[in-house]
Amino acid sequence: MDALIANLSEAEKDVLIAKLLKRQEKSRLSEKQILEKHPHVVPGTLDWDEGAKKQFVLIKCTVGDCTETRKTFTSDVWQIKACDGHRAALRKVRKENERLLLKELLKAREPKGEPVEADEAE
């Protein structure tokens, strides 16, 4: 990397720096942009995580009257709607609903009337 940079002229370095800074600005969302799409984000909590090199916010749990908050990266806000406590309960309900739906779909595929034995079908 150092050899590559050493071979660049000062003008080329300036252009590269400008491009990289512009790309970095584009990747960072403003708090207004985030709040417009995700009303469960707590206003005023947008910050930068230096270790992960990502933006993060606090979100409010959307389950009932729960007042818990949860830290999440802005890239994950669209898929996280509940605090850790409610997340497991919501997952359990979702899996049970999926199981019941699959059972009903399989039941609907069965032929009407008496089940046909394999020997009788031939």
PDB file of N, CA and C in Angstrom:
ATOM      1  N   MET A   1       0.827  -1.192   0.000  1.00  0.00           N
ATOM      2  CA  MET A   1       0.000   0.000   0.000  1.00  0.00           C
ATOM      3  C   MET A   1       0.873   1.258   0.000  1.00  0.00           C
ATOM      4  N   ASP A   2       1.936   1.220   0.803  1.00  0.00           N
ATOM      5  CA  ASP A   2       2.826   2.388   0.868  1.00  0.00           C
ATOM      6  C   ASP A   2       3.480   2.669  -0.480  1.00  0.00           C
ATOM      7  N   ALA A   3       3.862   1.603  -1.188  1.00  0.00           N
ATOM      8  CA  ALA A   3       4.495   1.776  -2.501  1.00  0.00           C
ATOM      9  C   ALA A   3       3.506   2.390  -3.485  1.00  0.00           C
ATOM     10  N   LEU A   4       2.254   1.973  -3.395  1.00  0.00           N
ATOM     11  CA  LEU A   4       1.224   2.507  -4.279  1.00  0.00           C
ATOM     12  C   LEU A   4       1.027   4.004  -4.022  1.00  0.00           C
ATOM     13  N   ILE A   5       0.964   4.370  -2.760  1.00  0.00           N
ATOM     14  CA  ILE A   5       0.776   5.779  -2.393  1.00  0.00           C
ATOM     15  C   ILE A   5       2.003   6.606  -2.789  1.00  0.00           C
ATOM     16  N   ALA A   6       3.190   6.029  -2.614  1.00  0.00           N
ATOM     17  CA  ALA A   6       4.426   6.753  -2.937  1.00  0.00           C
ATOM     18  C   ALA A   6       4.507   7.091  -4.422  1.00  0.00           C
ATOM     19  N   ASN A   7       3.898   6.252  -5.269  1.00  0.00           N
ATOM     20  CA  ASN A   7       3.950   6.480  -6.712  1.00  0.00           C
ATOM     21  C   ASN A   7       2.936   7.524  -7.196  1.00  0.00           C
ATOM     22  N   LEU A   8       2.033   7.957  -6.330  1.00  0.00           N
ATOM     23  CA  LEU A   8       1.021   8.946  -6.725  1.00  0.00           C
ATOM     24  C   LEU A   8       1.590  10.359  -6.634  1.00  0.00           C
ATOM     25  N   SER A   9       1.180  11.197  -7.559  1.00  0.00           N
ATOM     26  CA  SER A   9       1.563  12.613  -7.484  1.00  0.00           C
ATOM     27  C   SER A   9       0.718  13.284  -6.406  1.00  0.00           C
ATOM     28  N   GLU A  10       1.106  14.467  -6.026  1.00  0.00           N
ATOM     29  CA  GLU A  10       0.348  15.202  -4.999  1.00  0.00           C
ATOM     30  C   GLU A  10      -1.080  15.479  -5.467  1.00  0.00           C
ATOM     31  N   ALA A  11      -1.231  15.796  -6.738  1.00  0.00           N
ATOM     32  CA  ALA A  11      -2.568  16.060  -7.295  1.00  0.00           C
ATOM     33  C   ALA A  11      -3.422  14.792  -7.242  1.00  0.00           C
ATOM     34  N   GLU A  12      -2.826  13.639  -7.574  1.00  0.00           N
ATOM     35  CA  GLU A  12      -3.559  12.368  -7.525  1.00  0.00           C
ATOM     36  C   GLU A  12      -3.948  12.016  -6.085  1.00  0.00           C
ATOM     37  N   LYS A  13      -3.052  12.303  -5.142  1.00  0.00           N
ATOM     38  CA  LYS A  13      -3.360  12.064  -3.724  1.00  0.00           C
ATOM     39  C   LYS A  13      -4.530  12.929  -3.279  1.00  0.00           C
ATOM     40  N   ASP A  14      -4.527  14.198  -3.716  1.00  0.00           N
ATOM     41  CA  ASP A  14      -5.622  15.107  -3.353  1.00  0.00           C
ATOM     42  C   ASP A  14      -6.958  14.614  -3.896  1.00  0.00           C
ATOM     43  N   VAL A  15      -6.956  14.136  -5.144  1.00  0.00           N
ATOM     44  CA  VAL A  15      -8.174  13.616  -5.764  1.00  0.00           C
ATOM     45  C   VAL A  15      -8.658  12.373  -5.004  1.00  0.00           C
ATOM     46  N   LEU A  16      -7.729  11.493  -4.672  1.00  0.00           N
ATOM     47  CA  LEU A  16      -8.081  10.270  -3.951  1.00  0.00           C
ATOM     48  C   LEU A  16      -8.649  10.589  -2.567  1.00  0.00           C
ATOM     49  N   ILE A  17      -8.025  11.512  -1.873  1.00  0.00           N
ATOM     50  CA  ILE A  17      -8.511  11.928  -0.553  1.00  0.00           C
ATOM     51  C   ILE A  17      -9.918  12.500  -0.665  1.00  0.00           C
ATOM     52  N   ALA A  18     -10.150  13.344  -1.647  1.00  0.00           N
ATOM     53  CA  ALA A  18     -11.478  13.948  -1.838  1.00  0.00           C
ATOM     54  C   ALA A  18     -12.532  12.874  -2.113  1.00  0.00           C
ATOM     55  N   LYS A  19     -12.187  11.892  -2.957  1.00  0.00           N
ATOM     56  CA  LYS A  19     -13.126  10.813  -3.268  1.00  0.00           C
ATOM     57  C   LYS A  19     -13.447   9.986  -2.027  1.00  0.00           C
ATOM     58  N   LEU A  20     -12.419   9.675  -1.255  1.00  0.00           N
ATOM     59  CA  LEU A  20     -12.636   8.861  -0.055  1.00  0.00           C
ATOM     60  C   LEU A  20     -13.463   9.609   0.990  1.00  0.00           C
ATOM     61  N   LEU A  21     -13.214  10.893   1.149  1.00  0.00           N
ATOM     62  CA  LEU A  21     -14.004  11.687   2.108  1.00  0.00           C
ATOM     63  C   LEU A  21     -15.454  11.796   1.667  1.00  0.00           C
ATOM     64  N   LYS A  22     -15.662  11.974   0.362  1.00  0.00           N
ATOM     65  CA  LYS A  22     -17.025  12.060  -0.162  1.00  0.00           C
ATOM     66  C   LYS A  22     -17.761  10.743   0.048  1.00  0.00           C
ATOM     67  N   ARG A  23     -17.093   9.620  -0.191  1.00  0.00           N
ATOM     68  CA  ARG A  23     -17.697   8.304   0.012  1.00  0.00           C
ATOM     69  C   ARG A  23     -18.060   8.103   1.489  1.00  0.00           C
ATOM     70  N   GLN A  24     -17.168   8.554   2.375  1.00  0.00           N
ATOM     71  CA  GLN A  24     -17.421   8.421   3.811  1.00  0.00           C
ATOM     72  C   GLN A  24     -18.636   9.243   4.241  1.00  0.00           C
ATOM     73  N   GLU A  25     -18.771  10.444   3.694  1.00  0.00           N
ATOM     74  CA  GLU A  25     -19.922  11.290   4.014  1.00  0.00           C
ATOM     75  C   GLU A  25     -21.223  10.664   3.534  1.00  0.00           C
ATOM     76  N   LYS A  26     -21.202  10.058   2.344  1.00  0.00           N
ATOM     77  CA  LYS A  26     -22.402   9.428   1.792  1.00  0.00           C
ATOM     78  C   LYS A  26     -22.847   8.250   2.654  1.00  0.00           C
ATOM     79  N   SER A  27     -21.882   7.502   3.193  1.00  0.00           N
ATOM     80  CA  SER A  27     -22.222   6.304   3.953  1.00  0.00           C
ATOM     81  C   SER A  27     -22.811   6.643   5.324  1.00  0.00           C
ATOM     82  N   ARG A  28     -22.586   7.828   5.804  1.00  0.00           N
ATOM     83  CA  ARG A  28     -23.127   8.230   7.101  1.00  0.00           C
ATOM     84  C   ARG A  28     -24.482   8.901   6.906  1.00  0.00           C
ATOM     85  N   LEU A  29     -25.492   8.324   7.529  1.00  0.00           N
ATOM     86  CA  LEU A  29     -26.831   8.892   7.436  1.00  0.00           C
ATOM     87  C   LEU A  29     -27.009   9.988   8.474  1.00  0.00           C
ATOM     88  N   SER A  30     -27.855  10.953   8.168  1.00  0.00           N
ATOM     89  CA  SER A  30     -28.164  11.975   9.162  1.00  0.00           C
ATOM     90  C   SER A  30     -29.252  11.428  10.079  1.00  0.00           C
ATOM     91  N   GLU A  31     -29.336  11.984  11.247  1.00  0.00           N
ATOM     92  CA  GLU A  31     -30.357  11.540  12.206  1.00  0.00           C
ATOM     93  C   GLU A  31     -31.757  11.774  11.644  1.00  0.00           C
ATOM     94  N   LYS A  32     -31.926  12.864  10.912  1.00  0.00           N
ATOM     95  CA  LYS A  32     -33.228  13.161  10.309  1.00  0.00           C
ATOM     96  C   LYS A  32     -33.631  12.058   9.335  1.00  0.00           C
ATOM     97  N   GLN A  33     -32.688  11.612   8.487  1.00  0.00           N
ATOM     98  CA  GLN A  33     -32.965  10.538   7.527  1.00  0.00           C
ATOM     99  C   GLN A  33     -33.372   9.250   8.245  1.00  0.00           C
ATOM    100  N   ILE A  34     -32.688   8.928   9.318  1.00  0.00           N
ATOM    101  CA  ILE A  34     -32.976   7.704  10.062  1.00  0.00           C
ATOM    102  C   ILE A  34     -34.345   7.789  10.725  1.00  0.00           C
ATOM    103  N   LEU A  35     -34.655   8.918  11.364  1.00  0.00           N
ATOM    104  CA  LEU A  35     -35.932   9.073  12.063  1.00  0.00           C
ATOM    105  C   LEU A  35     -37.121   9.069  11.107  1.00  0.00           C
ATOM    106  N   GLU A  36     -36.927   9.561   9.884  1.00  0.00           N
ATOM    107  CA  GLU A  36     -38.018   9.541   8.907  1.00  0.00           C
ATOM    108  C   GLU A  36     -38.434   8.120   8.561  1.00  0.00           C
ATOM    109  N   LYS A  37     -37.463   7.244   8.430  1.00  0.00           N
ATOM    110  CA  LYS A  37     -37.752   5.858   8.057  1.00  0.00           C
ATOM    111  C   LYS A  37     -38.056   4.969   9.263  1.00  0.00           C
ATOM    112  N   HIS A  38     -37.494   5.301  10.416  1.00  0.00           N
ATOM    113  CA  HIS A  38     -37.579   4.420  11.583  1.00  0.00           C
ATOM    114  C   HIS A  38     -37.994   5.219  12.830  1.00  0.00           C
ATOM    115  N   PRO A  39     -39.296   5.357  13.056  1.00  0.00           N
ATOM    116  CA  PRO A  39     -39.762   6.168  14.181  1.00  0.00           C
ATOM    117  C   PRO A  39     -39.441   5.566  15.556  1.00  0.00           C
ATOM    118  N   HIS A  40     -39.019   4.306  15.616  1.00  0.00           N
ATOM    119  CA  HIS A  40     -38.684   3.691  16.900  1.00  0.00           C
ATOM    120  C   HIS A  40     -37.255   4.014  17.349  1.00  0.00           C
ATOM    121  N   VAL A  41     -36.538   4.817  16.574  1.00  0.00           N
ATOM    122  CA  VAL A  41     -35.209   5.269  16.984  1.00  0.00           C
ATOM    123  C   VAL A  41     -35.364   6.406  17.994  1.00  0.00           C
ATOM    124  N   VAL A  42     -34.574   6.353  19.065  1.00  0.00           N
ATOM    125  CA  VAL A  42     -34.612   7.399  20.086  1.00  0.00           C
ATOM    126  C   VAL A  42     -33.871   8.625  19.550  1.00  0.00           C
ATOM    127  N   PRO A  43     -34.561   9.778  19.428  1.00  0.00           N
ATOM    128  CA  PRO A  43     -33.902  10.980  18.911  1.00  0.00           C
ATOM    129  C   PRO A  43     -32.705  11.392  19.770  1.00  0.00           C
ATOM    130  N   GLY A  44     -31.650  11.868  19.122  1.00  0.00           N
ATOM    131  CA  GLY A  44     -30.475  12.362  19.836  1.00  0.00           C
ATOM    132  C   GLY A  44     -29.469  11.291  20.220  1.00  0.00           C
ATOM    133  N   THR A  45     -29.656  10.048  19.753  1.00  0.00           N
ATOM    134  CA  THR A  45     -28.746   8.970  20.150  1.00  0.00           C
ATOM    135  C   THR A  45     -27.789   8.534  19.042  1.00  0.00           C
ATOM    136  N   LEU A  46     -27.844   9.156  17.891  1.00  0.00           N
ATOM    137  CA  LEU A  46     -26.955   8.789  16.787  1.00  0.00           C
ATOM    138  C   LEU A  46     -25.514   9.072  17.183  1.00  0.00           C
ATOM    139  N   ASP A  47     -24.657   8.049  17.047  1.00  0.00           N
ATOM    140  CA  ASP A  47     -23.254   8.205  17.413  1.00  0.00           C
ATOM    141  C   ASP A  47     -22.405   7.286  16.536  1.00  0.00           C
ATOM    142  N   TRP A  48     -21.110   7.383  16.678  1.00  0.00           N
ATOM    143  CA  TRP A  48     -20.175   6.610  15.858  1.00  0.00           C
ATOM    144  C   TRP A  48     -19.447   5.611  16.751  1.00  0.00           C
ATOM    145  N   ASP A  49     -19.399   4.352  16.332  1.00  0.00           N
ATOM    146  CA  ASP A  49     -18.658   3.316  17.041  1.00  0.00           C
ATOM    147  C   ASP A  49     -17.305   3.190  16.351  1.00  0.00           C
ATOM    148  N   GLU A  50     -16.271   3.659  17.021  1.00  0.00           N
ATOM    149  CA  GLU A  50     -14.940   3.704  16.417  1.00  0.00           C
ATOM    150  C   GLU A  50     -14.388   2.308  16.161  1.00  0.00           C
ATOM    151  N   GLY A  51     -14.681   1.372  17.049  1.00  0.00           N
ATOM    152  CA  GLY A  51     -14.184   0.003  16.877  1.00  0.00           C
ATOM    153  C   GLY A  51     -14.767  -0.671  15.652  1.00  0.00           C
ATOM    154  N   ALA A  52     -16.079  -0.536  15.462  1.00  0.00           N
ATOM    155  CA  ALA A  52     -16.760  -1.169  14.332  1.00  0.00           C
ATOM    156  C   ALA A  52     -16.759  -0.292  13.084  1.00  0.00           C
ATOM    157  N   LYS A  53     -16.412   0.971  13.257  1.00  0.00           N
ATOM    158  CA  LYS A  53     -16.436   1.943  12.143  1.00  0.00           C
ATOM    159  C   LYS A  53     -17.830   2.057  11.536  1.00  0.00           C
ATOM    160  N   LYS A  54     -18.835   2.107  12.420  1.00  0.00           N
ATOM    161  CA  LYS A  54     -20.231   2.209  11.991  1.00  0.00           C
ATOM    162  C   LYS A  54     -20.983   3.177  12.901  1.00  0.00           C
ATOM    163  N   GLN A  55     -22.096   3.670  12.371  1.00  0.00           N
ATOM    164  CA  GLN A  55     -22.989   4.497  13.183  1.00  0.00           C
ATOM    165  C   GLN A  55     -23.906   3.583  13.988  1.00  0.00           C
ATOM    166  N   PHE A  56     -24.299   4.049  15.177  1.00  0.00           N
ATOM    167  CA  PHE A  56     -25.268   3.304  15.962  1.00  0.00           C
ATOM    168  C   PHE A  56     -26.280   4.261  16.573  1.00  0.00           C
ATOM    169  N   VAL A  57     -27.416   3.716  16.967  1.00  0.00           N
ATOM    170  CA  VAL A  57     -28.479   4.470  17.629  1.00  0.00           C
ATOM    171  C   VAL A  57     -29.082   3.592  18.718  1.00  0.00           C
ATOM    172  N   LEU A  58     -29.900   4.217  19.551  1.00  0.00           N
ATOM    173  CA  LEU A  58     -30.722   3.461  20.490  1.00  0.00           C
ATOM    174  C   LEU A  58     -32.112   3.374  19.886  1.00  0.00           C
ATOM    175  N   ILE A  59     -32.743   2.212  20.007  1.00  0.00           N
ATOM    176  CA  ILE A  59     -34.115   2.057  19.542  1.00  0.00           C
ATOM    177  C   ILE A  59     -35.009   1.771  20.734  1.00  0.00           C
ATOM    178  N   LYS A  60     -36.274   2.202  20.627  1.00  0.00           N
ATOM    179  CA  LYS A  60     -37.280   1.909  21.644  1.00  0.00           C
ATOM    180  C   LYS A  60     -37.948   0.603  21.273  1.00  0.00           C
ATOM    181  N   CYS A  61     -38.243  -0.208  22.266  1.00  0.00           N
ATOM    182  CA  CYS A  61     -38.974  -1.451  22.026  1.00  0.00           C
ATOM    183  C   CYS A  61     -40.380  -1.083  21.555  1.00  0.00           C
ATOM    184  N   THR A  62     -40.872  -1.770  20.532  1.00  0.00           N
ATOM    185  CA  THR A  62     -42.186  -1.461  19.972  1.00  0.00           C
ATOM    186  C   THR A  62     -43.280  -2.386  20.508  1.00  0.00           C
ATOM    187  N   VAL A  63     -42.961  -3.202  21.499  1.00  0.00           N
ATOM    188  CA  VAL A  63     -43.930  -4.146  22.067  1.00  0.00           C
ATOM    189  C   VAL A  63     -44.672  -3.484  23.219  1.00  0.00           C
ATOM    190  N   GLY A  64     -45.969  -3.290  23.032  1.00  0.00           N
ATOM    191  CA  GLY A  64     -46.823  -2.754  24.100  1.00  0.00           C
ATOM    192  C   GLY A  64     -46.297  -1.475  24.717  1.00  0.00           C
ATOM    193  N   ASP A  65     -46.294  -1.450  26.047  1.00  0.00           N
ATOM    194  CA  ASP A  65     -45.844  -0.271  26.800  1.00  0.00           C
ATOM    195  C   ASP A  65     -44.392  -0.389  27.254  1.00  0.00           C
ATOM    196  N   CYS A  66     -43.647  -1.284  26.681  1.00  0.00           N
ATOM    197  CA  CYS A  66     -42.251  -1.501  27.085  1.00  0.00           C
ATOM    198  C   CYS A  66     -41.450  -0.212  26.874  1.00  0.00           C
ATOM    199  N   THR A  67     -40.618   0.118  27.838  1.00  0.00           N
ATOM    200  CA  THR A  67     -39.808   1.342  27.757  1.00  0.00           C
ATOM    201  C   THR A  67     -38.321   1.038  27.581  1.00  0.00           C
ATOM    202  N   GLU A  68     -37.978  -0.228  27.383  1.00  0.00           N
ATOM    203  CA  GLU A  68     -36.577  -0.611  27.221  1.00  0.00           C
ATOM    204  C   GLU A  68     -36.018  -0.074  25.908  1.00  0.00           C
ATOM    205  N   THR A  69     -34.715   0.186  25.908  1.00  0.00           N
ATOM    206  CA  THR A  69     -34.029   0.607  24.692  1.00  0.00           C
ATOM    207  C   THR A  69     -32.920  -0.396  24.393  1.00  0.00           C
ATOM    208  N   ARG A  70     -32.445  -0.340  23.173  1.00  0.00           N
ATOM    209  CA  ARG A  70     -31.410  -1.269  22.732  1.00  0.00           C
ATOM    210  C   ARG A  70     -30.491  -0.562  21.754  1.00  0.00           C
ATOM    211  N   LYS A  71     -29.189  -0.762  21.911  1.00  0.00           N
ATOM    212  CA  LYS A  71     -28.209  -0.186  20.986  1.00  0.00           C
ATOM    213  C   LYS A  71     -28.143  -1.067  19.744  1.00  0.00           C
ATOM    214  N   THR A  72     -28.164  -0.443  18.576  1.00  0.00           N
ATOM    215  CA  THR A  72     -28.024  -1.192  17.333  1.00  0.00           C
ATOM    216  C   THR A  72     -27.365  -0.313  16.278  1.00  0.00           C
ATOM    217  N   PHE A  73     -26.690  -0.957  15.349  1.00  0.00           N
ATOM    218  CA  PHE A  73     -26.076  -0.215  14.249  1.00  0.00           C
ATOM    219  C   PHE A  73     -27.164   0.260  13.300  1.00  0.00           C
ATOM    220  N   THR A  74     -26.944   1.399  12.663  1.00  0.00           N
ATOM    221  CA  THR A  74     -27.959   1.958  11.766  1.00  0.00           C
ATOM    222  C   THR A  74     -28.242   1.024  10.592  1.00  0.00           C
ATOM    223  N   SER A  75     -27.291   0.205  10.229  1.00  0.00           N
ATOM    224  CA  SER A  75     -27.517  -0.741   9.137  1.00  0.00           C
ATOM    225  C   SER A  75     -28.499  -1.850   9.517  1.00  0.00           C
ATOM    226  N   ASP A  76     -28.740  -2.031  10.819  1.00  0.00           N
ATOM    227  CA  ASP A  76     -29.636  -3.089  11.297  1.00  0.00           C
ATOM    228  C   ASP A  76     -30.973  -2.572  11.819  1.00  0.00           C
ATOM    229  N   VAL A  77     -31.155  -1.269  11.852  1.00  0.00           N
ATOM    230  CA  VAL A  77     -32.367  -0.682  12.450  1.00  0.00           C
ATOM    231  C   VAL A  77     -33.639  -1.194  11.790  1.00  0.00           C
ATOM    232  N   TRP A  78     -33.623  -1.402  10.494  1.00  0.00           N
ATOM    233  CA  TRP A  78     -34.828  -1.825   9.756  1.00  0.00           C
ATOM    234  C   TRP A  78     -35.342  -3.176  10.216  1.00  0.00           C
ATOM    235  N   GLN A  79     -34.485  -4.032  10.776  1.00  0.00           N
ATOM    236  CA  GLN A  79     -34.926  -5.363  11.152  1.00  0.00           C
ATOM    237  C   GLN A  79     -35.080  -5.564  12.660  1.00  0.00           C
ATOM    238  N   ILE A  80     -34.725  -4.592  13.464  1.00  0.00           N
ATOM    239  CA  ILE A  80     -34.813  -4.736  14.912  1.00  0.00           C
ATOM    240  C   ILE A  80     -35.910  -3.822  15.437  1.00  0.00           C
ATOM    241  N   LYS A  81     -36.906  -4.431  16.075  1.00  0.00           N
ATOM    242  CA  LYS A  81     -38.054  -3.666  16.561  1.00  0.00           C
ATOM    243  C   LYS A  81     -38.304  -3.846  18.059  1.00  0.00           C
ATOM    244  N   ALA A  82     -37.598  -4.787  18.696  1.00  0.00           N
ATOM    245  CA  ALA A  82     -37.892  -5.098  20.090  1.00  0.00           C
ATOM    246  C   ALA A  82     -36.614  -5.135  20.927  1.00  0.00           C
ATOM    247  N   CYS A  83     -36.801  -4.981  22.238  1.00  0.00           N
ATOM    248  CA  CYS A  83     -35.680  -5.090  23.172  1.00  0.00           C
ATOM    249  C   CYS A  83     -35.272  -6.562  23.272  1.00  0.00           C
ATOM    250  N   ASP A  84     -34.168  -6.818  23.933  1.00  0.00           N
ATOM    251  CA  ASP A  84     -33.690  -8.196  24.055  1.00  0.00           C
ATOM    252  C   ASP A  84     -34.706  -9.083  24.762  1.00  0.00           C
ATOM    253  N   GLY A  85     -35.386  -8.543  25.764  1.00  0.00           N
ATOM    254  CA  GLY A  85     -36.361  -9.323  26.518  1.00  0.00           C
ATOM    255  C   GLY A  85     -37.537  -9.783  25.669  1.00  0.00           C
ATOM    256  N   HIS A  86     -38.040  -8.924  24.814  1.00  0.00           N
ATOM    257  CA  HIS A  86     -39.188  -9.275  23.975  1.00  0.00           C
ATOM    258  C   HIS A  86     -38.791 -10.005  22.696  1.00  0.00           C
ATOM    259  N   ARG A  87     -37.546  -9.876  22.306  1.00  0.00           N
ATOM    260  CA  ARG A  87     -37.096 -10.493  21.063  1.00  0.00           C
ATOM    261  C   ARG A  87     -37.297 -12.010  21.081  1.00  0.00           C
ATOM    262  N   ALA A  88     -36.941 -12.649  22.179  1.00  0.00           N
ATOM    263  CA  ALA A  88     -37.087 -14.104  22.273  1.00  0.00           C
ATOM    264  C   ALA A  88     -38.558 -14.501  22.229  1.00  0.00           C
ATOM    265  N   ALA A  89     -39.410 -13.745  22.920  1.00  0.00           N
ATOM    266  CA  ALA A  89     -40.845 -14.057  22.923  1.00  0.00           C
ATOM    267  C   ALA A  89     -41.443 -13.881  21.531  1.00  0.00           C
ATOM    268  N   LEU A  90     -41.057 -12.834  20.824  1.00  0.00           N
ATOM    269  CA  LEU A  90     -41.557 -12.610  19.467  1.00  0.00           C
ATOM    270  C   LEU A  90     -41.094 -13.714  18.521  1.00  0.00           C
ATOM    271  N   ARG A  91     -39.856 -14.150  18.679  1.00  0.00           N
ATOM    272  CA  ARG A  91     -39.339 -15.231  17.840  1.00  0.00           C
ATOM    273  C   ARG A  91     -40.128 -16.517  18.088  1.00  0.00           C
ATOM    274  N   LYS A  92     -40.428 -16.789  19.345  1.00  0.00           N
ATOM    275  CA  LYS A  92     -41.184 -17.996  19.695  1.00  0.00           C
ATOM    276  C   LYS A  92     -42.574 -17.962  19.057  1.00  0.00           C
ATOM    277  N   VAL A  93     -43.245 -16.819  19.133  1.00  0.00           N
ATOM    278  CA  VAL A  93     -44.578 -16.676  18.540  1.00  0.00           C
ATOM    279  C   VAL A  93     -44.503 -16.827  17.024  1.00  0.00           C
ATOM    280  N   ARG A  94     -43.507 -16.214  16.404  1.00  0.00           N
ATOM    281  CA  ARG A  94     -43.358 -16.309  14.954  1.00  0.00           C
ATOM    282  C   ARG A  94     -43.142 -17.754  14.508  1.00  0.00           C
ATOM    283  N   LYS A  95     -42.281 -18.468  15.210  1.00  0.00           N
ATOM    284  CA  LYS A  95     -42.014 -19.862  14.847  1.00  0.00           C
ATOM    285  C   LYS A  95     -43.262 -20.728  15.035  1.00  0.00           C
ATOM    286  N   GLU A  96     -44.026 -20.487  16.082  1.00  0.00           N
ATOM    287  CA  GLU A  96     -45.262 -21.243  16.311  1.00  0.00           C
ATOM    288  C   GLU A  96     -46.266 -20.949  15.205  1.00  0.00           C
ATOM    289  N   ASN A  97     -46.396 -19.683  14.803  1.00  0.00           N
ATOM    290  CA  ASN A  97     -47.305 -19.315  13.708  1.00  0.00           C
ATOM    291  C   ASN A  97     -46.871 -19.968  12.396  1.00  0.00           C
ATOM    292  N   GLU A  98     -45.561 -20.001  12.141  1.00  0.00           N
ATOM    293  CA  GLU A  98     -45.063 -20.651  10.933  1.00  0.00           C
ATOM    294  C   GLU A  98     -45.372 -22.146  10.953  1.00  0.00           C
ATOM    295  N   ARG A  99     -45.222 -22.782  12.119  1.00  0.00           N
ATOM    296  CA  ARG A  99     -45.510 -24.205  12.247  1.00  0.00           C
ATOM    297  C   ARG A  99     -46.982 -24.486  11.974  1.00  0.00           C
ATOM    298  N   LEU A 100     -47.866 -23.653  12.538  1.00  0.00           N
ATOM    299  CA  LEU A 100     -49.303 -23.831  12.334  1.00  0.00           C
ATOM    300  C   LEU A 100     -49.688 -23.592  10.870  1.00  0.00           C
ATOM    301  N   LEU A 101     -49.099 -22.598  10.254  1.00  0.00           N
ATOM    302  CA  LEU A 101     -49.373 -22.312   8.845  1.00  0.00           C
ATOM    303  C   LEU A 101     -48.945 -23.484   7.967  1.00  0.00           C
ATOM    304  N   LEU A 102     -47.760 -24.027   8.216  1.00  0.00           N
ATOM    305  CA  LEU A 102     -47.281 -25.169   7.448  1.00  0.00           C
ATOM    306  C   LEU A 102     -48.220 -26.363   7.617  1.00  0.00           C
ATOM    307  N   LYS A 103     -48.664 -26.588   8.835  1.00  0.00           N
ATOM    308  CA  LYS A 103     -49.594 -27.693   9.108  1.00  0.00           C
ATOM    309  C   LYS A 103     -50.884 -27.522   8.303  1.00  0.00           C
ATOM    310  N   GLU A 104     -51.416 -26.302   8.276  1.00  0.00           N
ATOM    311  CA  GLU A 104     -52.651 -26.025   7.524  1.00  0.00           C
ATOM    312  C   GLU A 104     -52.439 -26.180   6.015  1.00  0.00           C
ATOM    313  N   LEU A 105     -51.307 -25.720   5.517  1.00  0.00           N
ATOM    314  CA  LEU A 105     -51.013 -25.843   4.088  1.00  0.00           C
ATOM    315  C   LEU A 105     -50.882 -27.311   3.673  1.00  0.00           C
ATOM    316  N   LEU A 106     -50.224 -28.099   4.491  1.00  0.00           N
ATOM    317  CA  LEU A 106     -50.083 -29.521   4.191  1.00  0.00           C
ATOM    318  C   LEU A 106     -51.436 -30.232   4.259  1.00  0.00           C
ATOM    319  N   LYS A 107     -52.247 -29.829   5.203  1.00  0.00           N
ATOM    320  CA  LYS A 107     -53.582 -30.418   5.343  1.00  0.00           C
ATOM    321  C   LYS A 107     -54.428 -30.091   4.112  1.00  0.00           C
ATOM    322  N   ALA A 108     -54.296 -28.878   3.586  1.00  0.00           N
ATOM    323  CA  ALA A 108     -55.070 -28.456   2.416  1.00  0.00           C
ATOM    324  C   ALA A 108     -54.649 -29.216   1.159  1.00  0.00           C
ATOM    325  N   ARG A 109     -53.437 -29.719   1.116  1.00  0.00           N
ATOM    326  CA  ARG A 109     -52.947 -30.459  -0.047  1.00  0.00           C
ATOM    327  C   ARG A 109     -53.449 -31.899  -0.082  1.00  0.00           C
ATOM    328  N   GLU A 110     -53.871 -32.425   1.073  1.00  0.00           N
ATOM    329  CA  GLU A 110     -54.338 -33.812   1.124  1.00  0.00           C
ATOM    330  C   GLU A 110     -55.592 -33.960   0.274  1.00  0.00           C
ATOM    331  N   PRO A 111     -55.723 -35.101  -0.412  1.00  0.00           N
ATOM    332  CA  PRO A 111     -56.930 -35.320  -1.218  1.00  0.00           C
ATOM    333  C   PRO A 111     -58.157 -35.442  -0.315  1.00  0.00           C
ATOM    334  N   LYS A 112     -59.302 -34.996  -0.818  1.00  0.00           N
ATOM    335  CA  LYS A 112     -60.553 -35.056  -0.058  1.00  0.00           C
ATOM    336  C   LYS A 112     -61.033 -36.506   0.022  1.00  0.00           C
ATOM    337  N   GLY A 113     -61.740 -36.819   1.080  1.00  0.00           N
ATOM    338  CA  GLY A 113     -62.318 -38.163   1.225  1.00  0.00           C
ATOM    339  C   GLY A 113     -61.344 -39.116   1.900  1.00  0.00           C
ATOM    340  N   GLU A 114     -61.523 -40.406   1.597  1.00  0.00           N
ATOM    341  CA  GLU A 114     -60.722 -41.455   2.204  1.00  0.00           C
ATOM    342  C   GLU A 114     -59.267 -41.389   1.691  1.00  0.00           C
ATOM    343  N   PRO A 115     -58.318 -41.600   2.575  1.00  0.00           N
ATOM    344  CA  PRO A 115     -56.925 -41.650   2.102  1.00  0.00           C
ATOM    345  C   PRO A 115     -56.728 -42.893   1.250  1.00  0.00           C
ATOM    346  N   VAL A 116     -55.965 -42.762   0.194  1.00  0.00           N
ATOM    347  CA  VAL A 116     -55.739 -43.857  -0.747  1.00  0.00           C
ATOM    348  C   VAL A 116     -54.483 -44.604  -0.317  1.00  0.00           C
ATOM    349  N   GLU A 117     -54.586 -45.922  -0.190  1.00  0.00           N
ATOM    350  CA  GLU A 117     -53.428 -46.755   0.152  1.00  0.00           C
ATOM    351  C   GLU A 117     -52.549 -46.896  -1.079  1.00  0.00           C
ATOM    352  N   ALA A 118     -51.287 -47.120  -0.898  1.00  0.00           N
ATOM    353  CA  ALA A 118     -50.339 -47.240  -2.007  1.00  0.00           C
ATOM    354  C   ALA A 118     -50.701 -48.409  -2.917  1.00  0.00           C
ATOM    355  N   ASP A 119     -51.167 -49.555  -2.346  1.00  0.00           N
ATOM    356  CA  ASP A 119     -51.522 -50.730  -3.167  1.00  0.00           C
ATOM    357  C   ASP A 119     -52.746 -50.477  -4.030  1.00  0.00           C
ATOM    358  N   GLU A 120     -53.739 -49.712  -3.533  1.00  0.00           N
ATOM    359  CA  GLU A 120     -54.976 -49.459  -4.256  1.00  0.00           C
ATOM    360  C   GLU A 120     -54.766 -48.495  -5.417  1.00  0.00           C
ATOM    361  N   ALA A 121     -53.760 -47.672  -5.349  1.00  0.00           N
ATOM    362  CA  ALA A 121     -53.543 -46.644  -6.374  1.00  0.00           C
ATOM    363  C   ALA A 121     -53.059 -47.259  -7.682  1.00  0.00           C
ATOM    364  N   GLU A 122     -52.483 -48.434  -7.659  1.00  0.00           N
ATOM    365  CA  GLU A 122     -51.929 -49.018  -8.886  1.00  0.00           C
ATOM    366  C   GLU A 122     -52.922 -49.704  -9.706  1.00  0.00           C
TER     367      GLU A 122
END
